N, C-alpha and C. Protein backbone atom coordinates (compact mmCIF):
# COMPACT_ATOMS: atom_id res chain seq x y z
N MET A 1 -56.82 30.38 -50.83
CA MET A 1 -56.51 31.77 -51.12
C MET A 1 -55.25 32.17 -50.35
N ASN A 2 -54.31 32.77 -51.04
CA ASN A 2 -53.10 33.29 -50.41
C ASN A 2 -53.42 34.63 -49.77
N LYS A 3 -52.95 34.81 -48.54
CA LYS A 3 -53.27 36.02 -47.79
C LYS A 3 -52.05 36.54 -47.07
N ILE A 4 -52.06 37.86 -46.88
CA ILE A 4 -51.05 38.50 -46.06
C ILE A 4 -51.77 39.40 -45.06
N TYR A 5 -51.58 39.11 -43.78
CA TYR A 5 -52.08 39.95 -42.70
C TYR A 5 -50.91 40.84 -42.29
N TYR A 6 -51.11 42.13 -42.40
CA TYR A 6 -50.01 43.06 -42.14
C TYR A 6 -50.55 44.36 -41.58
N LEU A 7 -49.64 45.25 -41.27
CA LEU A 7 -49.99 46.57 -40.78
C LEU A 7 -49.40 47.58 -41.76
N SER A 8 -50.26 48.37 -42.40
CA SER A 8 -49.81 49.28 -43.46
C SER A 8 -48.90 50.38 -42.92
N THR A 9 -48.96 50.65 -41.63
CA THR A 9 -48.11 51.68 -41.03
C THR A 9 -46.78 51.14 -40.52
N CYS A 10 -46.55 49.84 -40.69
CA CYS A 10 -45.33 49.20 -40.17
C CYS A 10 -44.27 49.14 -41.27
N ASP A 11 -43.14 49.80 -41.02
CA ASP A 11 -42.05 49.81 -42.00
C ASP A 11 -41.49 48.41 -42.25
N THR A 12 -41.44 47.59 -41.23
CA THR A 12 -40.93 46.23 -41.39
C THR A 12 -41.85 45.44 -42.33
N CYS A 13 -43.15 45.56 -42.12
CA CYS A 13 -44.10 44.87 -43.01
C CYS A 13 -43.94 45.36 -44.44
N LYS A 14 -43.83 46.67 -44.63
CA LYS A 14 -43.68 47.24 -45.97
C LYS A 14 -42.42 46.70 -46.65
N LYS A 15 -41.33 46.62 -45.89
CA LYS A 15 -40.06 46.14 -46.42
C LYS A 15 -40.18 44.67 -46.87
N ILE A 16 -40.84 43.87 -46.07
CA ILE A 16 -41.02 42.45 -46.39
C ILE A 16 -41.91 42.30 -47.62
N LEU A 17 -43.03 43.01 -47.66
CA LEU A 17 -43.95 42.92 -48.80
C LEU A 17 -43.28 43.37 -50.09
N ALA A 18 -42.40 44.35 -50.00
CA ALA A 18 -41.69 44.85 -51.19
C ALA A 18 -40.77 43.80 -51.80
N GLN A 19 -40.39 42.80 -51.03
CA GLN A 19 -39.49 41.75 -51.51
C GLN A 19 -40.23 40.61 -52.21
N ILE A 20 -41.56 40.64 -52.18
CA ILE A 20 -42.35 39.61 -52.84
C ILE A 20 -42.51 40.00 -54.31
N ASN A 21 -42.09 39.12 -55.20
CA ASN A 21 -42.07 39.43 -56.63
C ASN A 21 -43.46 39.71 -57.20
N ASP A 22 -44.45 38.91 -56.83
CA ASP A 22 -45.80 39.08 -57.39
C ASP A 22 -46.82 39.19 -56.26
N ILE A 23 -46.97 40.39 -55.75
CA ILE A 23 -47.87 40.64 -54.63
C ILE A 23 -49.33 40.44 -55.03
N SER A 24 -49.61 40.45 -56.33
CA SER A 24 -50.99 40.28 -56.80
C SER A 24 -51.51 38.86 -56.54
N LYS A 25 -50.64 37.94 -56.16
CA LYS A 25 -51.06 36.57 -55.82
C LYS A 25 -51.74 36.51 -54.46
N PHE A 26 -51.73 37.64 -53.74
CA PHE A 26 -52.20 37.66 -52.36
C PHE A 26 -53.38 38.59 -52.15
N GLU A 27 -54.21 38.20 -51.19
CA GLU A 27 -55.21 39.12 -50.65
C GLU A 27 -54.50 39.83 -49.50
N LEU A 28 -54.40 41.16 -49.59
CA LEU A 28 -53.72 41.93 -48.55
C LEU A 28 -54.75 42.40 -47.53
N ILE A 29 -54.49 42.09 -46.26
CA ILE A 29 -55.42 42.44 -45.19
C ILE A 29 -54.69 43.30 -44.17
N ASP A 30 -55.02 44.60 -44.18
CA ASP A 30 -54.44 45.53 -43.22
C ASP A 30 -55.23 45.38 -41.92
N ILE A 31 -54.59 44.81 -40.91
CA ILE A 31 -55.31 44.45 -39.68
C ILE A 31 -55.70 45.67 -38.84
N LYS A 32 -55.15 46.83 -39.17
CA LYS A 32 -55.55 48.03 -38.43
C LYS A 32 -56.90 48.54 -38.92
N THR A 33 -57.13 48.48 -40.22
CA THR A 33 -58.40 48.95 -40.79
C THR A 33 -59.42 47.83 -40.93
N ASN A 34 -58.96 46.59 -40.89
CA ASN A 34 -59.84 45.42 -40.97
C ASN A 34 -59.53 44.48 -39.81
N PRO A 35 -60.11 44.73 -38.64
CA PRO A 35 -59.79 43.91 -37.46
C PRO A 35 -59.99 42.42 -37.73
N LEU A 36 -59.15 41.63 -37.11
CA LEU A 36 -59.22 40.19 -37.27
C LEU A 36 -60.59 39.65 -36.82
N THR A 37 -61.10 38.72 -37.59
CA THR A 37 -62.33 38.04 -37.21
C THR A 37 -61.97 36.71 -36.56
N GLU A 38 -62.91 36.14 -35.87
CA GLU A 38 -62.66 34.84 -35.26
C GLU A 38 -62.34 33.80 -36.33
N ALA A 39 -63.02 33.87 -37.47
CA ALA A 39 -62.77 32.91 -38.56
C ALA A 39 -61.33 33.04 -39.08
N GLN A 40 -60.83 34.27 -39.19
CA GLN A 40 -59.45 34.47 -39.65
C GLN A 40 -58.44 33.93 -38.65
N VAL A 41 -58.68 34.19 -37.37
CA VAL A 41 -57.78 33.70 -36.33
C VAL A 41 -57.81 32.17 -36.30
N GLU A 42 -59.00 31.60 -36.46
CA GLU A 42 -59.13 30.13 -36.50
C GLU A 42 -58.38 29.55 -37.69
N GLU A 43 -58.47 30.23 -38.85
CA GLU A 43 -57.75 29.75 -40.04
C GLU A 43 -56.25 29.71 -39.77
N MET A 44 -55.72 30.77 -39.17
CA MET A 44 -54.29 30.80 -38.85
C MET A 44 -53.95 29.71 -37.84
N TYR A 45 -54.82 29.54 -36.85
CA TYR A 45 -54.61 28.52 -35.82
C TYR A 45 -54.54 27.13 -36.45
N ASN A 46 -55.36 26.88 -37.47
CA ASN A 46 -55.36 25.57 -38.12
C ASN A 46 -54.01 25.23 -38.73
N TYR A 47 -53.24 26.24 -39.09
CA TYR A 47 -51.89 26.01 -39.61
C TYR A 47 -50.87 25.86 -38.49
N THR A 48 -50.98 26.69 -37.46
CA THR A 48 -49.95 26.70 -36.42
C THR A 48 -50.25 25.77 -35.25
N LYS A 49 -51.53 25.46 -35.05
CA LYS A 49 -52.00 24.66 -33.89
C LYS A 49 -51.66 25.33 -32.57
N SER A 50 -51.46 26.66 -32.63
CA SER A 50 -51.13 27.40 -31.41
C SER A 50 -51.46 28.87 -31.59
N TYR A 51 -52.27 29.41 -30.68
CA TYR A 51 -52.53 30.85 -30.69
C TYR A 51 -51.28 31.60 -30.22
N GLU A 52 -50.53 30.97 -29.35
CA GLU A 52 -49.32 31.62 -28.83
C GLU A 52 -48.32 31.90 -29.95
N LYS A 53 -48.24 31.00 -30.94
CA LYS A 53 -47.31 31.22 -32.06
C LYS A 53 -47.71 32.42 -32.91
N LEU A 54 -48.98 32.79 -32.85
CA LEU A 54 -49.48 33.94 -33.61
C LEU A 54 -49.34 35.24 -32.82
N PHE A 55 -49.04 35.13 -31.56
CA PHE A 55 -49.08 36.24 -30.62
C PHE A 55 -47.73 36.94 -30.51
N SER A 56 -47.76 38.26 -30.53
CA SER A 56 -46.53 39.03 -30.38
C SER A 56 -46.35 39.45 -28.92
N LYS A 57 -45.33 38.91 -28.31
CA LYS A 57 -45.02 39.30 -26.93
C LYS A 57 -44.16 40.56 -26.89
N ARG A 58 -43.87 41.10 -28.08
CA ARG A 58 -43.12 42.35 -28.15
C ARG A 58 -44.03 43.56 -28.24
N ALA A 59 -45.33 43.33 -28.33
CA ALA A 59 -46.29 44.42 -28.42
C ALA A 59 -46.23 45.28 -27.15
N GLN A 60 -46.29 46.59 -27.34
CA GLN A 60 -46.24 47.49 -26.18
C GLN A 60 -47.42 47.25 -25.24
N LEU A 61 -48.56 46.93 -25.82
CA LEU A 61 -49.75 46.68 -25.01
C LEU A 61 -49.56 45.44 -24.12
N TYR A 62 -48.77 44.48 -24.60
CA TYR A 62 -48.46 43.28 -23.81
C TYR A 62 -47.77 43.69 -22.52
N LYS A 63 -46.84 44.62 -22.64
CA LYS A 63 -46.12 45.10 -21.46
C LYS A 63 -47.01 45.98 -20.59
N GLN A 64 -47.78 46.89 -21.24
CA GLN A 64 -48.64 47.81 -20.50
C GLN A 64 -49.70 47.07 -19.67
N LEU A 65 -50.24 46.01 -20.24
CA LEU A 65 -51.27 45.24 -19.53
C LEU A 65 -50.68 44.18 -18.60
N ASN A 66 -49.33 44.13 -18.56
CA ASN A 66 -48.63 43.19 -17.70
C ASN A 66 -49.07 41.74 -17.96
N LEU A 67 -49.21 41.40 -19.24
CA LEU A 67 -49.71 40.07 -19.60
C LEU A 67 -48.69 38.96 -19.33
N LYS A 68 -47.43 39.32 -19.22
CA LYS A 68 -46.42 38.30 -18.90
C LYS A 68 -46.74 37.65 -17.56
N GLU A 69 -47.20 38.46 -16.63
CA GLU A 69 -47.56 37.97 -15.30
C GLU A 69 -48.89 37.20 -15.31
N ALA A 70 -49.66 37.37 -16.35
CA ALA A 70 -50.99 36.73 -16.42
C ALA A 70 -50.92 35.25 -16.76
N ASN A 71 -49.75 34.77 -17.21
CA ASN A 71 -49.59 33.37 -17.60
C ASN A 71 -50.75 32.92 -18.51
N LEU A 72 -50.84 33.57 -19.66
CA LEU A 72 -51.94 33.29 -20.58
C LEU A 72 -51.93 31.85 -21.07
N ASP A 73 -53.11 31.28 -21.21
CA ASP A 73 -53.25 29.97 -21.85
C ASP A 73 -53.70 30.23 -23.28
N GLU A 74 -53.95 29.17 -24.06
CA GLU A 74 -54.34 29.32 -25.45
C GLU A 74 -55.60 30.18 -25.60
N ALA A 75 -56.57 30.00 -24.71
CA ALA A 75 -57.80 30.80 -24.76
C ALA A 75 -57.49 32.27 -24.53
N GLY A 76 -56.57 32.55 -23.65
CA GLY A 76 -56.17 33.93 -23.38
C GLY A 76 -55.48 34.57 -24.57
N PHE A 77 -54.58 33.81 -25.21
CA PHE A 77 -53.91 34.34 -26.40
C PHE A 77 -54.94 34.64 -27.49
N LYS A 78 -55.89 33.74 -27.68
CA LYS A 78 -56.92 33.95 -28.70
C LYS A 78 -57.75 35.20 -28.37
N LYS A 79 -58.12 35.35 -27.13
CA LYS A 79 -58.93 36.49 -26.70
C LYS A 79 -58.23 37.81 -27.06
N TYR A 80 -56.95 37.91 -26.74
CA TYR A 80 -56.23 39.15 -27.00
C TYR A 80 -55.97 39.35 -28.50
N LEU A 81 -55.76 38.27 -29.25
CA LEU A 81 -55.61 38.39 -30.71
C LEU A 81 -56.86 39.02 -31.32
N LEU A 82 -58.01 38.62 -30.81
CA LEU A 82 -59.27 39.15 -31.33
C LEU A 82 -59.56 40.56 -30.82
N GLU A 83 -58.97 40.91 -29.70
CA GLU A 83 -59.25 42.19 -29.06
C GLU A 83 -58.51 43.37 -29.70
N HIS A 84 -57.25 43.14 -30.09
CA HIS A 84 -56.46 44.27 -30.60
C HIS A 84 -55.42 43.78 -31.61
N TYR A 85 -55.33 44.48 -32.73
CA TYR A 85 -54.43 44.08 -33.81
C TYR A 85 -52.97 44.02 -33.40
N THR A 86 -52.58 44.78 -32.42
CA THR A 86 -51.17 44.84 -32.04
C THR A 86 -50.63 43.50 -31.53
N PHE A 87 -51.52 42.61 -31.12
CA PHE A 87 -51.07 41.33 -30.57
C PHE A 87 -50.72 40.29 -31.63
N LEU A 88 -51.03 40.54 -32.89
CA LEU A 88 -50.67 39.58 -33.94
C LEU A 88 -49.21 39.79 -34.33
N ALA A 89 -48.44 38.70 -34.32
CA ALA A 89 -47.06 38.76 -34.80
C ALA A 89 -47.14 39.00 -36.31
N ARG A 90 -46.51 40.07 -36.77
CA ARG A 90 -46.68 40.46 -38.16
C ARG A 90 -45.39 40.38 -38.94
N PRO A 91 -45.55 40.19 -40.26
CA PRO A 91 -46.77 39.83 -40.98
C PRO A 91 -47.07 38.34 -40.83
N VAL A 92 -48.30 37.98 -41.16
CA VAL A 92 -48.67 36.57 -41.27
C VAL A 92 -48.97 36.35 -42.74
N ILE A 93 -48.24 35.42 -43.34
CA ILE A 93 -48.38 35.15 -44.76
C ILE A 93 -48.81 33.70 -44.93
N ILE A 94 -49.95 33.53 -45.59
CA ILE A 94 -50.45 32.20 -45.90
C ILE A 94 -50.30 32.03 -47.41
N TYR A 95 -49.52 31.03 -47.79
CA TYR A 95 -49.24 30.80 -49.21
C TYR A 95 -49.21 29.30 -49.50
N ASN A 96 -50.06 28.87 -50.42
CA ASN A 96 -50.11 27.45 -50.82
C ASN A 96 -50.14 26.52 -49.61
N ASN A 97 -51.06 26.78 -48.70
CA ASN A 97 -51.26 25.95 -47.51
C ASN A 97 -50.07 25.89 -46.56
N GLN A 98 -49.25 26.94 -46.58
CA GLN A 98 -48.17 27.09 -45.61
C GLN A 98 -48.35 28.44 -44.93
N ILE A 99 -47.89 28.54 -43.70
CA ILE A 99 -48.00 29.81 -42.99
C ILE A 99 -46.62 30.25 -42.51
N PHE A 100 -46.41 31.55 -42.59
CA PHE A 100 -45.18 32.17 -42.12
C PHE A 100 -45.60 33.29 -41.19
N VAL A 101 -45.14 33.22 -39.95
CA VAL A 101 -45.58 34.16 -38.92
C VAL A 101 -44.40 34.97 -38.41
N GLY A 102 -44.55 36.30 -38.49
CA GLY A 102 -43.55 37.18 -37.91
C GLY A 102 -42.48 37.61 -38.89
N ASN A 103 -41.53 38.37 -38.36
CA ASN A 103 -40.51 38.98 -39.21
C ASN A 103 -39.08 38.55 -38.87
N ALA A 104 -38.96 37.41 -38.22
CA ALA A 104 -37.62 36.89 -37.95
C ALA A 104 -36.92 36.61 -39.28
N ALA A 105 -35.63 36.87 -39.35
CA ALA A 105 -34.88 36.74 -40.60
C ALA A 105 -35.06 35.35 -41.22
N LYS A 106 -35.01 34.32 -40.41
CA LYS A 106 -35.14 32.95 -40.92
C LYS A 106 -36.54 32.72 -41.52
N THR A 107 -37.56 33.23 -40.87
CA THR A 107 -38.94 33.09 -41.35
C THR A 107 -39.11 33.82 -42.68
N VAL A 108 -38.63 35.05 -42.75
CA VAL A 108 -38.76 35.86 -43.96
C VAL A 108 -38.00 35.21 -45.11
N SER A 109 -36.80 34.74 -44.83
CA SER A 109 -35.98 34.09 -45.86
C SER A 109 -36.68 32.85 -46.42
N SER A 110 -37.21 32.02 -45.54
CA SER A 110 -37.93 30.80 -45.96
C SER A 110 -39.15 31.16 -46.80
N MET A 111 -39.89 32.17 -46.35
CA MET A 111 -41.09 32.59 -47.06
C MET A 111 -40.73 33.09 -48.46
N LEU A 112 -39.73 33.96 -48.55
CA LEU A 112 -39.37 34.53 -49.85
C LEU A 112 -38.88 33.46 -50.82
N GLU A 113 -38.17 32.48 -50.30
CA GLU A 113 -37.68 31.39 -51.14
C GLU A 113 -38.84 30.64 -51.79
N ILE A 114 -39.90 30.43 -51.04
CA ILE A 114 -41.06 29.68 -51.53
C ILE A 114 -41.96 30.57 -52.40
N VAL A 115 -42.25 31.77 -51.92
CA VAL A 115 -43.20 32.67 -52.61
C VAL A 115 -42.64 33.19 -53.93
N ASN A 116 -41.34 33.40 -53.99
CA ASN A 116 -40.73 33.99 -55.20
C ASN A 116 -40.23 32.97 -56.21
N GLN A 117 -40.66 31.73 -56.08
CA GLN A 117 -40.23 30.71 -57.06
C GLN A 117 -40.88 30.96 -58.40
């Protein structure tokens, strides 16, 4: 199943989703109204082999909780991903057994090239 984990209140996510030609190919999961489950985080981990790759170090809560100083390990990253939606690097797009994490220009470009074929 193709999925998009996003935040409906995020303008960047909206802009990226608007560039997908056929959004109906995806299950859209708004992580603010549907908190991540352990199974969902594990599914993403199976693609990335790293919780840290799924984690947003730009989240304001990351700074507020001083997590940079905490030297998080993989278990720590997973814990915070499950605790609050803000820690997921958004959007996360799973399409045809590939994953695209975050909104970096290169990531978005690669994703759109594949998804819009």
